Amino acid sequence: MSFERIHTSLAVARPADVTFDRRELSLILNVYGHMVAAGKWRDYAIDHHRDRAIFSIFRGATENPLYRVEKKRDGRHAAYSVVGMDGRVLQRGRELRQVLRVLERLIIRLVD
């Protein structure tokens, strides 16, 4: 293999994984914290992939996630969604705060 060929293959970089930034995590953890305080949620996991970042919410440590907050990159914009345990998309949109309202409604029901 020639040096030029190696150099060219190294120049093609893999796109970076999609991640949650500090502001996004703050919004998600705010909702999560309320539900933990109410005793409804107990654990979470964060996964970063090439095409999406996932915040999974669990009732217990050994179960399947109750909800997943997903961030997908669409060009320069991000699209968010909340997915239920059955894989059904409960809310989708371009603004995380708006998408999280579906989970905030759970908090309101607990207070009532």
C-alpha atoms as a PDB file:
ATOM      1  CA  MET A   1       0.000   0.000   0.000  1.00  0.00           C
ATOM      2  CA  SER A   2       1.452   3.340  -0.968  1.00  0.00           C
ATOM      3  CA  PHE A   3       1.868   6.267   1.402  1.00  0.00           C
ATOM      4  CA  GLU A   4      -0.604   8.336  -0.638  1.00  0.00           C
ATOM      5  CA  ARG A   5      -3.273   5.697  -0.275  1.00  0.00           C
ATOM      6  CA  ILE A   6      -2.750   5.412   3.493  1.00  0.00           C
ATOM      7  CA  HIS A   7      -2.726   9.184   3.841  1.00  0.00           C
ATOM      8  CA  THR A   8      -5.992   9.476   1.907  1.00  0.00           C
ATOM      9  CA  SER A   9      -7.742   6.825   3.995  1.00  0.00           C
ATOM     10  CA  LEU A  10      -6.672   8.551   7.224  1.00  0.00           C
ATOM     11  CA  ALA A  11      -7.972  11.878   5.980  1.00  0.00           C
ATOM     12  CA  VAL A  12     -11.526  10.520   5.816  1.00  0.00           C
ATOM     13  CA  ALA A  13     -12.673  10.873   9.415  1.00  0.00           C
ATOM     14  CA  ARG A  14     -15.578   9.019  10.932  1.00  0.00           C
ATOM     15  CA  PRO A  15     -18.378  11.384  11.951  1.00  0.00           C
ATOM     16  CA  ALA A  16     -18.515  12.039  15.682  1.00  0.00           C
ATOM     17  CA  ASP A  17     -21.080  10.292  17.828  1.00  0.00           C
ATOM     18  CA  VAL A  18     -24.243  12.208  18.661  1.00  0.00           C
ATOM     19  CA  THR A  19     -24.200  13.362  22.297  1.00  0.00           C
ATOM     20  CA  PHE A  20     -26.373  15.324  24.691  1.00  0.00           C
ATOM     21  CA  ASP A  21     -24.929  18.707  25.623  1.00  0.00           C
ATOM     22  CA  ARG A  22     -25.020  20.146  29.142  1.00  0.00           C
ATOM     23  CA  ARG A  23     -28.239  22.126  28.566  1.00  0.00           C
ATOM     24  CA  GLU A  24     -30.052  19.075  27.181  1.00  0.00           C
ATOM     25  CA  LEU A  25     -28.928  16.868  30.066  1.00  0.00           C
ATOM     26  CA  SER A  26     -30.041  19.508  32.544  1.00  0.00           C
ATOM     27  CA  LEU A  27     -33.558  19.525  31.075  1.00  0.00           C
ATOM     28  CA  ILE A  28     -33.772  15.732  31.016  1.00  0.00           C
ATOM     29  CA  LEU A  29     -32.341  15.294  34.527  1.00  0.00           C
ATOM     30  CA  ASN A  30     -34.775  17.878  35.908  1.00  0.00           C
ATOM     31  CA  VAL A  31     -37.734  15.727  34.824  1.00  0.00           C
ATOM     32  CA  TYR A  32     -35.922  12.555  35.885  1.00  0.00           C
ATOM     33  CA  GLY A  33     -35.190  13.976  39.352  1.00  0.00           C
ATOM     34  CA  HIS A  34     -38.846  14.744  40.012  1.00  0.00           C
ATOM     35  CA  MET A  35     -39.851  11.186  39.171  1.00  0.00           C
ATOM     36  CA  VAL A  36     -37.055   9.716  41.303  1.00  0.00           C
ATOM     37  CA  ALA A  37     -38.234  11.864  44.214  1.00  0.00           C
ATOM     38  CA  ALA A  38     -41.742  10.486  43.679  1.00  0.00           C
ATOM     39  CA  GLY A  39     -40.335   6.941  43.803  1.00  0.00           C
ATOM     40  CA  LYS A  40     -41.405   6.065  40.245  1.00  0.00           C
ATOM     41  CA  TRP A  41     -38.035   5.891  38.491  1.00  0.00           C
ATOM     42  CA  ARG A  42     -34.808   4.484  39.903  1.00  0.00           C
ATOM     43  CA  ASP A  43     -32.135   4.268  37.234  1.00  0.00           C
ATOM     44  CA  TYR A  44     -31.021   5.650  33.898  1.00  0.00           C
ATOM     45  CA  ALA A  45     -28.476   4.987  31.173  1.00  0.00           C
ATOM     46  CA  ILE A  46     -26.979   7.199  28.491  1.00  0.00           C
ATOM     47  CA  ASP A  47     -25.819   5.756  25.186  1.00  0.00           C
ATOM     48  CA  HIS A  48     -24.076   7.622  22.387  1.00  0.00           C
ATOM     49  CA  HIS A  49     -24.090   6.246  18.866  1.00  0.00           C
ATOM     50  CA  ARG A  50     -23.082   7.556  15.490  1.00  0.00           C
ATOM     51  CA  ASP A  51     -26.674   8.394  14.533  1.00  0.00           C
ATOM     52  CA  ARG A  52     -28.343   9.072  17.900  1.00  0.00           C
ATOM     53  CA  ALA A  53     -27.960   9.668  21.632  1.00  0.00           C
ATOM     54  CA  ILE A  54     -30.323   7.835  23.987  1.00  0.00           C
ATOM     55  CA  PHE A  55     -31.264   8.583  27.612  1.00  0.00           C
ATOM     56  CA  SER A  56     -33.044   5.450  28.908  1.00  0.00           C
ATOM     57  CA  ILE A  57     -35.221   5.609  32.021  1.00  0.00           C
ATOM     58  CA  PHE A  58     -35.773   2.530  34.187  1.00  0.00           C
ATOM     59  CA  ARG A  59     -38.094   1.663  37.036  1.00  0.00           C
ATOM     60  CA  GLY A  60     -35.446  -0.748  38.385  1.00  0.00           C
ATOM     61  CA  ALA A  61     -31.899  -1.627  37.414  1.00  0.00           C
ATOM     62  CA  THR A  62     -32.662  -4.958  35.728  1.00  0.00           C
ATOM     63  CA  GLU A  63     -35.699  -4.060  33.636  1.00  0.00           C
ATOM     64  CA  ASN A  64     -36.245  -2.793  30.125  1.00  0.00           C
ATOM     65  CA  PRO A  65     -36.459   0.996  29.895  1.00  0.00           C
ATOM     66  CA  LEU A  66     -39.839   2.581  30.575  1.00  0.00           C
ATOM     67  CA  TYR A  67     -38.995   5.526  28.329  1.00  0.00           C
ATOM     68  CA  ARG A  68     -36.190   6.610  26.031  1.00  0.00           C
ATOM     69  CA  VAL A  69     -35.387  10.209  25.207  1.00  0.00           C
ATOM     70  CA  GLU A  70     -33.636  10.139  21.844  1.00  0.00           C
ATOM     71  CA  LYS A  71     -31.700  12.797  19.997  1.00  0.00           C
ATOM     72  CA  LYS A  72     -31.038  12.302  16.295  1.00  0.00           C
ATOM     73  CA  ARG A  73     -28.932  14.618  14.222  1.00  0.00           C
ATOM     74  CA  ASP A  74     -30.545  15.730  10.980  1.00  0.00           C
ATOM     75  CA  GLY A  75     -27.853  17.732   9.224  1.00  0.00           C
ATOM     76  CA  ARG A  76     -27.101  20.671  11.496  1.00  0.00           C
ATOM     77  CA  HIS A  77     -30.386  20.346  13.406  1.00  0.00           C
ATOM     78  CA  ALA A  78     -31.375  17.899  16.109  1.00  0.00           C
ATOM     79  CA  ALA A  79     -34.656  16.033  16.329  1.00  0.00           C
ATOM     80  CA  TYR A  80     -35.854  14.715  19.688  1.00  0.00           C
ATOM     81  CA  SER A  81     -38.353  12.035  20.593  1.00  0.00           C
ATOM     82  CA  VAL A  82     -39.716  10.240  23.653  1.00  0.00           C
ATOM     83  CA  VAL A  83     -40.279   6.545  23.038  1.00  0.00           C
ATOM     84  CA  GLY A  84     -42.350   4.304  25.306  1.00  0.00           C
ATOM     85  CA  MET A  85     -41.532   0.798  26.497  1.00  0.00           C
ATOM     86  CA  ASP A  86     -43.477  -0.690  23.586  1.00  0.00           C
ATOM     87  CA  GLY A  87     -41.424   1.257  21.006  1.00  0.00           C
ATOM     88  CA  ARG A  88     -44.203   3.730  20.256  1.00  0.00           C
ATOM     89  CA  VAL A  89     -43.124   7.355  19.766  1.00  0.00           C
ATOM     90  CA  LEU A  90     -45.035   9.384  22.373  1.00  0.00           C
ATOM     91  CA  GLN A  91     -43.741  12.814  21.333  1.00  0.00           C
ATOM     92  CA  ARG A  92     -41.443  14.105  18.613  1.00  0.00           C
ATOM     93  CA  GLY A  93     -40.093  17.542  17.758  1.00  0.00           C
ATOM     94  CA  ARG A  94     -37.173  19.893  17.213  1.00  0.00           C
ATOM     95  CA  GLU A  95     -37.313  21.459  20.707  1.00  0.00           C
ATOM     96  CA  LEU A  96     -36.310  19.230  23.630  1.00  0.00           C
ATOM     97  CA  ARG A  97     -38.280  21.240  26.180  1.00  0.00           C
ATOM     98  CA  GLN A  98     -41.466  20.731  24.135  1.00  0.00           C
ATOM     99  CA  VAL A  99     -40.824  17.002  23.690  1.00  0.00           C
ATOM    100  CA  LEU A 100     -40.227  16.478  27.426  1.00  0.00           C
ATOM    101  CA  ARG A 101     -43.701  17.803  28.235  1.00  0.00           C
ATOM    102  CA  VAL A 102     -45.092  14.315  27.671  1.00  0.00           C
ATOM    103  CA  LEU A 103     -42.982  13.144  30.641  1.00  0.00           C
ATOM    104  CA  GLU A 104     -43.772  16.260  32.693  1.00  0.00           C
ATOM    105  CA  ARG A 105     -47.459  15.344  32.465  1.00  0.00           C
ATOM    106  CA  LEU A 106     -46.607  12.217  34.468  1.00  0.00           C
ATOM    107  CA  ILE A 107     -45.294  14.457  37.264  1.00  0.00           C
ATOM    108  CA  ILE A 108     -48.486  16.522  37.252  1.00  0.00           C
ATOM    109  CA  ARG A 109     -50.597  13.352  37.537  1.00  0.00           C
ATOM    110  CA  LEU A 110     -48.581  12.271  40.576  1.00  0.00           C
ATOM    111  CA  VAL A 111     -49.226  15.589  42.324  1.00  0.00           C
ATOM    112  CA  ASP A 112     -52.971  15.566  41.649  1.00  0.00           C
END
